[in-house]
Amino acid sequence: MSDVKEEKEVMDNDADFVAASDLSSNFSKGQQVFLGFQHTLAMFGACILVPLLTGLSVSATLFAVGAGTLIFHFMTDRKVPAFLGSSFAFIGPLIIAGEQVGLRAAQGGIILAGITYIIVGYLMELAGPEKVKRVFPPVVTGPIIMIIGLSLAPVGIDMASGHWGVALITLGTAVIVNIWGKGMIKVLPIVIGLAAGYLGSLAFGLIETAEVAEASMVGLPGFTLPEFNSTALLLVGPAAIVSIVEHFGDVLAIGSTIGKDIRKDPGIPRTFYGGGLATILSGFVGGPSLTTYGENVGVLALTRVYATFVVSMGAVWAIALAFIPKIEAAIHTIPTPVIGGISVLLYGMIAAVGVRTVVENRVNFTKSRNLIVASVILVLGVGGVGFEIGDIEFSALVIAAVSGVVLNLILPGGEVA
């Protein structure tokens, strides 16, 4: 009987979040505008990779992620400090659609993906927050957040391995600044770490500046209007299934990081509405499908500056870069090992947030069913299990998340009274 009572107490407390220490109030609005640039730098490398691989416009992408992030913040009442970036789930479908029917037709598929997000949000709203919490309790969400970070680990290591000296300079500087820095310096580990890595790269002769010299100072983004083609819709639209799971995991990671239960306020449906409208806008201007970015969750965890205003300023910086090709080109010259050094820190932060989610919500791992759910999620997610159906690739994260949700629902002992 005591075990049943203990289990009920654990499940009843599953939605509790421990308030996190927010340092935003320590800084003026002017300082927060500058702090937002860290979020732009954190997402930049991964974000522009999608248009570089698919042929979409880099400048249109930067405009889309900036404007889309601002839309997301508006739709979530500025309560979810997420940064939206290019979704990797769409790379394969976009390349194939671009080859078969053209990128403008592929934009139609991106718009369909945005509509899909809105439909999913509406269905979640009909189901109600209690059912959402039952499907995604901390025994599921904690391990999912862990594998978001751990699954990105090989990417960070691969980037850093291009020049470990530069990567370690970047990483070491960011750690020193964050631990021993004072005042505003303490919350600028990304900017200062990247600057140190950049200087180290100059010393090692890793930087080419010809692209910066050739770029113009001011220019319009490469906007293109969409076309609607049934082939492209069927090729690109279904990739939304993968992005939906990624979105849910990142939003829960943000909630755990800032100490708020986003499932209650503003609610998961609002985040899907925001992401859907942002992606629809992106499709209309020539950008990719958008998703919440784990890199920026890492920035939140590292700096403990949680104000949505700061992330919004990061979005404004991204929009500005879309109109200043020279600055965009300068950031593009940051060597991969520098980004890798920062990524080692940011991706590890995401995994640590998952651990914190499990600890703070007192998930009882003396119960076999909780051990089984967490174990399956972690092994499938970290192990890299994945498969393809047609042109859609279902990543290990998606498979692990779905498996964990199903196990949590069918194994006995997990019902919330």
Protein backbone atom coordinates (compact mmCIF):
# COMPACT_ATOMS: atom_id res chain seq x y z
CA MET A 1 0.00 0.00 0.00
CA SER A 2 2.83 2.42 0.85
CA ASP A 3 4.39 1.74 -2.55
CA VAL A 4 1.13 2.63 -4.29
CA LYS A 5 0.86 5.82 -2.26
CA GLU A 6 4.47 6.72 -3.03
CA GLU A 7 3.94 6.10 -6.73
CA LYS A 8 0.81 8.26 -6.71
CA GLU A 9 2.69 11.09 -4.99
CA VAL A 10 5.44 10.89 -7.59
CA MET A 11 2.98 10.97 -10.47
CA ASP A 12 0.94 13.77 -8.89
CA ASN A 13 4.11 15.83 -8.61
CA ASP A 14 5.28 15.02 -12.12
CA ALA A 15 4.30 18.43 -13.45
CA ASP A 16 6.09 20.37 -10.71
CA PHE A 17 8.94 22.59 -11.81
CA VAL A 18 11.57 24.05 -9.51
CA ALA A 19 11.91 27.80 -10.09
CA ALA A 20 15.15 28.58 -11.87
CA SER A 21 17.30 31.61 -11.08
CA ASP A 22 16.80 34.19 -13.85
CA LEU A 23 19.56 36.80 -14.19
CA SER A 24 17.68 38.92 -16.76
CA SER A 25 16.76 41.63 -14.26
CA ASN A 26 20.46 42.31 -13.64
CA PHE A 27 20.81 43.92 -17.06
CA SER A 28 19.35 47.00 -18.74
CA LYS A 29 17.31 46.78 -21.94
CA GLY A 30 20.30 48.06 -23.88
CA GLN A 31 22.50 45.32 -22.48
CA GLN A 32 19.82 42.72 -23.20
CA VAL A 33 19.76 43.82 -26.84
CA PHE A 34 23.46 42.95 -27.06
CA LEU A 35 22.99 39.70 -25.12
CA GLY A 36 20.53 38.62 -27.80
CA PHE A 37 23.40 38.47 -30.30
CA GLN A 38 24.64 35.33 -28.51
CA HIS A 39 21.49 33.53 -29.58
CA THR A 40 22.07 34.61 -33.18
CA LEU A 41 25.64 33.31 -33.10
CA ALA A 42 24.61 30.04 -31.43
CA MET A 43 22.10 29.14 -34.12
CA PHE A 44 23.96 30.60 -37.11
CA GLY A 45 26.18 27.67 -38.12
CA ALA A 46 23.48 25.00 -38.06
CA CYS A 47 20.81 27.33 -39.43
CA ILE A 48 22.61 28.30 -42.64
CA LEU A 49 23.70 24.72 -43.27
CA VAL A 50 20.19 23.82 -44.45
CA PRO A 51 20.01 26.44 -47.21
CA LEU A 52 23.61 25.70 -48.20
CA LEU A 53 22.76 22.03 -48.69
CA THR A 54 19.37 22.50 -50.32
CA GLY A 55 19.92 25.57 -52.49
CA LEU A 56 17.58 27.88 -50.59
CA SER A 57 18.68 31.48 -50.04
CA VAL A 58 20.82 32.04 -46.93
CA SER A 59 19.63 35.63 -46.55
CA ALA A 60 15.97 34.65 -46.94
CA THR A 61 16.55 31.95 -44.32
CA LEU A 62 18.01 34.45 -41.86
CA PHE A 63 15.04 36.75 -42.39
CA ALA A 64 12.61 33.85 -41.99
CA VAL A 65 14.12 32.54 -38.74
CA GLY A 66 14.18 36.05 -37.27
CA ALA A 67 10.65 36.98 -38.27
CA GLY A 68 9.41 33.47 -37.44
CA THR A 69 10.90 33.64 -33.95
CA LEU A 70 9.13 36.95 -33.32
CA ILE A 71 5.83 35.43 -34.49
CA PHE A 72 6.41 32.49 -32.15
CA HIS A 73 7.01 34.82 -29.21
CA PHE A 74 3.82 36.74 -30.01
CA MET A 75 1.75 33.55 -30.26
CA THR A 76 3.08 32.26 -26.92
CA ASP A 77 2.52 35.55 -25.06
CA ARG A 78 6.30 35.98 -24.79
CA LYS A 79 6.42 33.19 -22.21
CA VAL A 80 8.58 30.71 -24.17
CA PRO A 81 12.11 32.03 -24.94
CA ALA A 82 12.66 29.76 -27.93
CA PHE A 83 14.68 30.55 -31.05
CA LEU A 84 13.47 29.01 -34.29
CA GLY A 85 15.92 27.80 -36.90
CA SER A 86 16.13 25.60 -40.00
CA SER A 87 14.82 22.07 -39.52
CA PHE A 88 17.25 19.32 -40.56
CA ALA A 89 14.35 16.90 -40.98
CA PHE A 90 13.54 18.56 -44.31
CA ILE A 91 16.99 18.46 -45.94
CA GLY A 92 16.44 15.21 -47.88
CA PRO A 93 12.89 16.00 -49.07
CA LEU A 94 13.89 19.55 -50.09
CA ILE A 95 16.84 18.32 -52.15
CA ILE A 96 14.70 15.72 -53.92
CA ALA A 97 11.80 18.12 -54.48
CA GLY A 98 14.20 20.78 -55.75
CA GLU A 99 15.67 18.36 -58.29
CA GLN A 100 12.29 17.06 -59.45
CA VAL A 101 10.00 20.11 -59.48
CA GLY A 102 12.10 23.07 -58.29
CA LEU A 103 12.64 24.85 -55.02
CA ARG A 104 9.68 27.20 -55.46
CA ALA A 105 7.42 24.17 -55.55
CA ALA A 106 9.23 22.80 -52.50
CA GLN A 107 8.25 25.99 -50.68
CA GLY A 108 4.64 24.88 -51.07
CA GLY A 109 5.52 21.72 -49.14
CA ILE A 110 7.04 23.85 -46.38
CA ILE A 111 3.78 25.81 -46.12
CA LEU A 112 1.90 22.49 -45.84
CA ALA A 113 4.22 21.49 -42.99
CA GLY A 114 3.34 24.74 -41.19
CA ILE A 115 -0.36 24.01 -41.60
CA THR A 116 0.28 20.53 -40.16
CA TYR A 117 1.83 22.05 -37.02
CA ILE A 118 -1.27 24.20 -36.51
CA ILE A 119 -3.57 21.17 -36.92
CA VAL A 120 -1.52 19.21 -34.36
CA GLY A 121 -1.73 22.14 -31.95
CA TYR A 122 -5.51 22.27 -32.34
CA LEU A 123 -5.84 18.55 -31.68
CA MET A 124 -3.72 18.94 -28.54
CA GLU A 125 -5.93 21.80 -27.43
CA LEU A 126 -9.01 19.62 -27.86
CA ALA A 127 -7.37 16.85 -25.83
CA GLY A 128 -6.57 19.23 -22.96
CA PRO A 129 -3.41 19.81 -20.91
CA GLU A 130 -4.04 16.90 -18.51
CA LYS A 131 -3.96 14.33 -21.32
CA VAL A 132 -0.84 15.95 -22.74
CA LYS A 133 0.85 15.67 -19.32
CA ARG A 134 -0.20 12.05 -19.04
CA VAL A 135 1.35 11.25 -22.42
CA PHE A 136 4.52 13.23 -21.63
CA PRO A 137 5.37 12.89 -17.89
CA PRO A 138 8.96 13.57 -16.70
CA VAL A 139 9.89 9.87 -16.92
CA VAL A 140 9.44 10.34 -20.69
CA THR A 141 10.40 13.98 -21.20
CA GLY A 142 13.60 13.84 -19.10
CA PRO A 143 15.25 11.08 -21.16
CA ILE A 144 13.97 12.67 -24.40
CA ILE A 145 15.68 15.94 -23.48
CA MET A 146 18.85 13.98 -22.62
CA ILE A 147 19.00 12.36 -26.04
CA ILE A 148 18.41 15.68 -27.81
CA GLY A 149 21.75 16.76 -26.38
CA LEU A 150 23.51 13.39 -26.59
CA SER A 151 22.41 12.75 -30.18
CA LEU A 152 23.99 16.06 -31.16
CA ALA A 153 27.25 15.17 -29.40
CA PRO A 154 28.84 13.46 -32.45
CA VAL A 155 28.11 16.59 -34.51
CA GLY A 156 29.91 18.78 -31.99
CA ILE A 157 32.87 16.40 -31.74
CA ASP A 158 33.11 16.13 -35.53
CA MET A 159 33.25 19.91 -35.88
CA ALA A 160 35.76 20.29 -33.06
CA SER A 161 38.02 17.55 -34.44
CA GLY A 162 38.95 19.74 -37.41
CA HIS A 163 41.39 21.53 -35.09
CA TRP A 164 41.29 20.55 -31.44
CA GLY A 165 43.61 23.37 -30.43
CA VAL A 166 41.18 26.02 -31.63
CA ALA A 167 38.20 24.09 -30.28
CA LEU A 168 39.76 23.86 -26.81
CA ILE A 169 40.65 27.56 -26.82
CA THR A 170 37.01 28.34 -27.60
CA LEU A 171 35.61 25.90 -25.05
CA GLY A 172 38.08 26.84 -22.32
CA THR A 173 37.47 30.56 -22.74
CA ALA A 174 33.67 30.10 -22.56
CA VAL A 175 33.99 28.02 -19.38
CA ILE A 176 36.37 30.51 -17.72
CA VAL A 177 34.11 33.45 -18.58
CA ASN A 178 30.99 31.71 -17.31
CA ILE A 179 32.55 30.51 -14.03
CA TRP A 180 34.85 33.39 -13.08
CA GLY A 181 33.46 36.30 -15.08
CA LYS A 182 31.76 39.22 -13.32
CA GLY A 183 28.69 41.24 -14.25
CA MET A 184 27.76 41.28 -17.91
CA ILE A 185 31.00 39.51 -18.88
CA LYS A 186 29.75 36.41 -17.04
CA VAL A 187 26.73 36.03 -19.32
CA LEU A 188 28.68 36.49 -22.57
CA PRO A 189 30.52 33.14 -22.70
CA ILE A 190 29.38 32.40 -26.27
CA VAL A 191 30.45 35.74 -27.75
CA ILE A 192 33.77 35.85 -25.87
CA GLY A 193 34.48 32.17 -26.49
CA LEU A 194 33.84 32.58 -30.22
CA ALA A 195 36.03 35.70 -30.30
CA ALA A 196 38.89 33.83 -28.61
CA GLY A 197 38.50 30.91 -30.98
CA TYR A 198 38.45 33.28 -33.94
CA LEU A 199 41.70 34.92 -32.84
CA GLY A 200 43.23 31.48 -32.35
CA SER A 201 42.10 30.53 -35.84
CA LEU A 202 43.78 33.62 -37.26
CA ALA A 203 47.02 32.57 -35.55
CA PHE A 204 46.75 29.10 -37.09
CA GLY A 205 45.87 30.50 -40.53
CA LEU A 206 42.42 28.91 -40.67
CA ILE A 207 40.42 31.95 -41.84
CA GLU A 208 39.77 33.10 -45.41
CA THR A 209 38.55 36.71 -45.69
CA ALA A 210 38.06 36.94 -49.46
CA GLU A 211 34.33 36.26 -49.12
CA VAL A 212 33.96 39.20 -46.71
CA ALA A 213 35.79 41.60 -49.03
CA GLU A 214 33.58 40.65 -51.97
CA ALA A 215 30.27 40.92 -50.07
CA SER A 216 28.24 44.12 -50.35
CA MET A 217 27.40 46.20 -47.30
CA VAL A 218 23.64 46.34 -47.87
CA GLY A 219 21.36 44.13 -49.93
CA LEU A 220 17.87 42.69 -50.08
CA PRO A 221 17.36 39.06 -48.99
CA GLY A 222 16.85 36.52 -51.76
CA PHE A 223 13.08 36.25 -51.42
CA THR A 224 11.18 33.90 -53.73
CA LEU A 225 7.45 33.22 -53.94
CA PRO A 226 6.16 29.63 -53.64
CA GLU A 227 4.44 27.47 -56.20
CA PHE A 228 2.05 24.68 -55.34
CA ASN A 229 2.69 21.30 -56.86
CA SER A 230 1.18 18.00 -55.69
CA THR A 231 4.50 16.16 -56.07
CA ALA A 232 6.34 18.65 -53.88
CA LEU A 233 3.54 18.68 -51.31
CA LEU A 234 3.75 14.89 -50.96
CA LEU A 235 7.56 14.94 -50.84
CA VAL A 236 8.11 17.75 -48.34
CA GLY A 237 4.95 17.96 -46.21
CA PRO A 238 5.21 14.57 -44.42
CA ALA A 239 8.61 15.52 -42.94
CA ALA A 240 6.56 17.56 -40.47
CA ILE A 241 6.00 14.33 -38.53
CA VAL A 242 9.67 14.25 -37.55
CA SER A 243 9.83 17.95 -36.75
CA ILE A 244 6.75 17.74 -34.51
CA VAL A 245 8.54 15.38 -32.13
CA GLU A 246 11.68 17.53 -32.15
CA HIS A 247 9.57 20.60 -31.41
CA PHE A 248 7.87 18.96 -28.45
CA GLY A 249 11.16 17.82 -26.94
CA ASP A 250 12.83 21.23 -27.31
CA VAL A 251 9.85 23.07 -25.82
CA LEU A 252 9.88 20.78 -22.79
CA ALA A 253 13.64 21.32 -22.48
CA ILE A 254 13.07 25.08 -22.42
CA GLY A 255 10.44 24.67 -19.70
CA SER A 256 12.80 22.58 -17.60
CA THR A 257 15.60 25.09 -18.11
CA ILE A 258 13.64 28.18 -17.08
CA GLY A 259 11.68 26.40 -14.32
CA LYS A 260 8.20 26.76 -15.83
CA ASP A 261 5.65 24.18 -16.92
CA ILE A 262 4.98 25.28 -20.49
CA ARG A 263 2.36 22.53 -20.76
CA LYS A 264 0.18 24.66 -18.44
CA ASP A 265 1.10 28.20 -19.48
CA PRO A 266 0.96 29.14 -22.31
CA GLY A 267 0.29 25.51 -23.26
CA ILE A 268 1.87 23.25 -25.87
CA PRO A 269 -0.82 24.07 -28.50
CA ARG A 270 0.22 27.72 -28.52
CA THR A 271 3.80 26.71 -29.31
CA PHE A 272 2.60 24.66 -32.28
CA TYR A 273 0.48 27.56 -33.51
CA GLY A 274 3.52 29.83 -33.29
CA GLY A 275 5.80 27.32 -35.01
CA GLY A 276 3.19 26.68 -37.70
CA LEU A 277 2.64 30.34 -38.56
CA ALA A 278 6.40 30.93 -38.54
CA THR A 279 6.95 28.05 -40.96
CA ILE A 280 4.15 29.24 -43.25
CA LEU A 281 5.80 32.69 -43.41
CA SER A 282 9.15 31.05 -44.14
CA GLY A 283 7.63 29.05 -46.98
CA PHE A 284 6.22 32.22 -48.55
CA VAL A 285 9.55 34.11 -48.53
CA GLY A 286 11.86 31.28 -49.61
CA GLY A 287 13.10 29.97 -46.26
CA PRO A 288 13.10 26.43 -44.83
CA SER A 289 10.73 24.77 -42.39
CA LEU A 290 11.40 26.12 -38.90
CA THR A 291 11.83 24.33 -35.61
CA THR A 292 12.94 25.22 -32.08
CA TYR A 293 16.72 25.06 -31.72
CA GLY A 294 18.54 23.03 -29.07
CA GLU A 295 21.62 25.27 -29.39
CA ASN A 296 19.63 28.16 -27.96
CA VAL A 297 18.30 26.01 -25.13
CA GLY A 298 21.96 25.48 -24.28
CA VAL A 299 22.52 29.25 -24.24
CA LEU A 300 19.62 29.67 -21.80
CA ALA A 301 21.03 26.98 -19.51
CA LEU A 302 24.56 28.40 -19.65
CA THR A 303 23.78 32.09 -19.13
CA ARG A 304 20.62 31.84 -16.95
CA VAL A 305 19.22 34.85 -18.80
CA TYR A 306 15.69 33.70 -19.59
CA ALA A 307 13.95 36.89 -20.72
CA THR A 308 12.07 36.32 -23.97
CA PHE A 309 13.03 39.91 -24.87
CA VAL A 310 16.68 38.81 -25.12
CA VAL A 311 15.83 35.99 -27.53
CA SER A 312 13.58 38.37 -29.50
CA MET A 313 16.57 40.67 -29.88
CA GLY A 314 18.53 37.69 -31.22
CA ALA A 315 15.77 37.34 -33.83
CA VAL A 316 16.08 41.04 -34.71
CA TRP A 317 19.84 40.58 -35.16
CA ALA A 318 19.13 37.70 -37.58
CA ILE A 319 16.76 39.91 -39.60
CA ALA A 320 19.40 42.65 -39.70
CA LEU A 321 22.02 40.18 -40.97
CA ALA A 322 19.68 39.24 -43.81
CA PHE A 323 20.05 42.81 -45.11
CA ILE A 324 23.83 43.15 -44.44
CA PRO A 325 25.66 40.59 -46.60
CA LYS A 326 29.11 41.71 -45.41
CA ILE A 327 28.39 40.91 -41.75
CA GLU A 328 26.70 37.68 -42.75
CA ALA A 329 29.83 36.76 -44.71
CA ALA A 330 32.08 37.68 -41.78
CA ILE A 331 30.17 35.38 -39.43
CA HIS A 332 30.28 32.70 -42.11
CA THR A 333 34.10 32.79 -41.93
CA ILE A 334 34.07 31.51 -38.33
CA PRO A 335 35.89 28.16 -38.69
CA THR A 336 34.04 24.93 -37.97
CA PRO A 337 36.33 23.95 -35.03
CA VAL A 338 35.36 27.20 -33.27
CA ILE A 339 31.67 26.33 -33.59
CA GLY A 340 32.55 22.80 -32.48
CA GLY A 341 34.20 24.01 -29.28
CA ILE A 342 31.08 25.96 -28.30
CA SER A 343 28.81 23.09 -29.37
CA VAL A 344 30.52 20.68 -26.97
CA LEU A 345 29.38 22.95 -24.15
CA LEU A 346 25.89 23.75 -25.46
CA TYR A 347 24.93 20.18 -26.38
CA GLY A 348 26.15 18.93 -23.01
CA MET A 349 23.99 21.57 -21.32
CA ILE A 350 20.90 20.20 -23.06
CA ALA A 351 21.62 16.67 -21.81
CA ALA A 352 22.19 18.04 -18.30
CA VAL A 353 18.79 19.76 -18.42
CA GLY A 354 17.24 16.34 -19.08
CA VAL A 355 18.98 14.93 -16.01
CA ARG A 356 17.72 17.87 -13.97
CA THR A 357 14.16 17.24 -15.20
CA VAL A 358 14.25 13.69 -13.85
CA VAL A 359 15.85 14.70 -10.53
CA GLU A 360 13.68 17.72 -9.76
CA ASN A 361 10.46 15.85 -10.55
CA ARG A 362 11.54 12.98 -8.28
CA VAL A 363 11.00 10.24 -10.85
CA ASN A 364 11.09 7.00 -8.85
CA PHE A 365 13.62 4.70 -10.49
CA THR A 366 13.07 1.99 -7.90
CA LYS A 367 10.01 1.18 -10.01
CA SER A 368 10.78 -1.22 -12.84
CA ARG A 369 8.33 0.41 -15.25
CA ASN A 370 10.11 3.78 -14.95
CA LEU A 371 13.50 2.15 -15.49
CA ILE A 372 12.21 0.36 -18.58
CA VAL A 373 10.71 3.51 -20.12
CA ALA A 374 13.84 5.58 -19.53
CA SER A 375 16.20 2.80 -20.63
CA VAL A 376 14.45 2.20 -23.95
CA ILE A 377 14.39 5.92 -24.75
CA LEU A 378 18.08 6.37 -23.94
CA VAL A 379 19.38 3.30 -25.79
CA LEU A 380 17.28 3.82 -28.93
CA GLY A 381 18.07 7.53 -28.98
CA VAL A 382 21.80 7.34 -28.34
CA GLY A 383 22.21 4.11 -30.32
CA GLY A 384 21.16 5.84 -33.53
CA VAL A 385 18.32 3.54 -34.57
CA GLY A 386 16.55 5.02 -37.58
CA PHE A 387 14.75 4.11 -40.77
CA GLU A 388 13.27 5.62 -43.90
CA ILE A 389 9.83 5.41 -45.44
CA GLY A 390 10.06 6.69 -48.98
CA ASP A 391 11.91 10.01 -48.85
CA ILE A 392 11.18 10.65 -45.17
CA GLU A 393 13.85 9.73 -42.64
CA PHE A 394 12.68 8.94 -39.12
CA SER A 395 15.54 9.79 -36.81
CA ALA A 396 16.59 7.95 -33.67
CA LEU A 397 15.07 10.78 -31.61
CA VAL A 398 11.65 10.22 -33.15
CA ILE A 399 11.78 6.45 -32.71
CA ALA A 400 13.01 6.74 -29.12
CA ALA A 401 10.37 9.34 -28.22
CA VAL A 402 7.50 7.38 -29.73
CA SER A 403 8.69 4.15 -28.08
CA GLY A 404 8.94 5.86 -24.70
CA VAL A 405 5.46 7.38 -24.99
CA VAL A 406 3.91 4.05 -25.96
CA LEU A 407 5.66 2.13 -23.17
CA ASN A 408 4.65 4.73 -20.59
CA LEU A 409 1.00 4.40 -21.66
CA ILE A 410 0.79 0.60 -21.77
CA LEU A 411 2.93 -0.44 -18.77
CA PRO A 412 0.99 -0.68 -15.50
CA GLY A 413 1.60 1.70 -12.61
CA GLY A 414 1.77 4.95 -14.50
CA GLU A 415 -1.78 6.21 -14.31
CA VAL A 416 -2.43 9.58 -12.78
CA ALA A 417 -5.38 9.51 -10.40
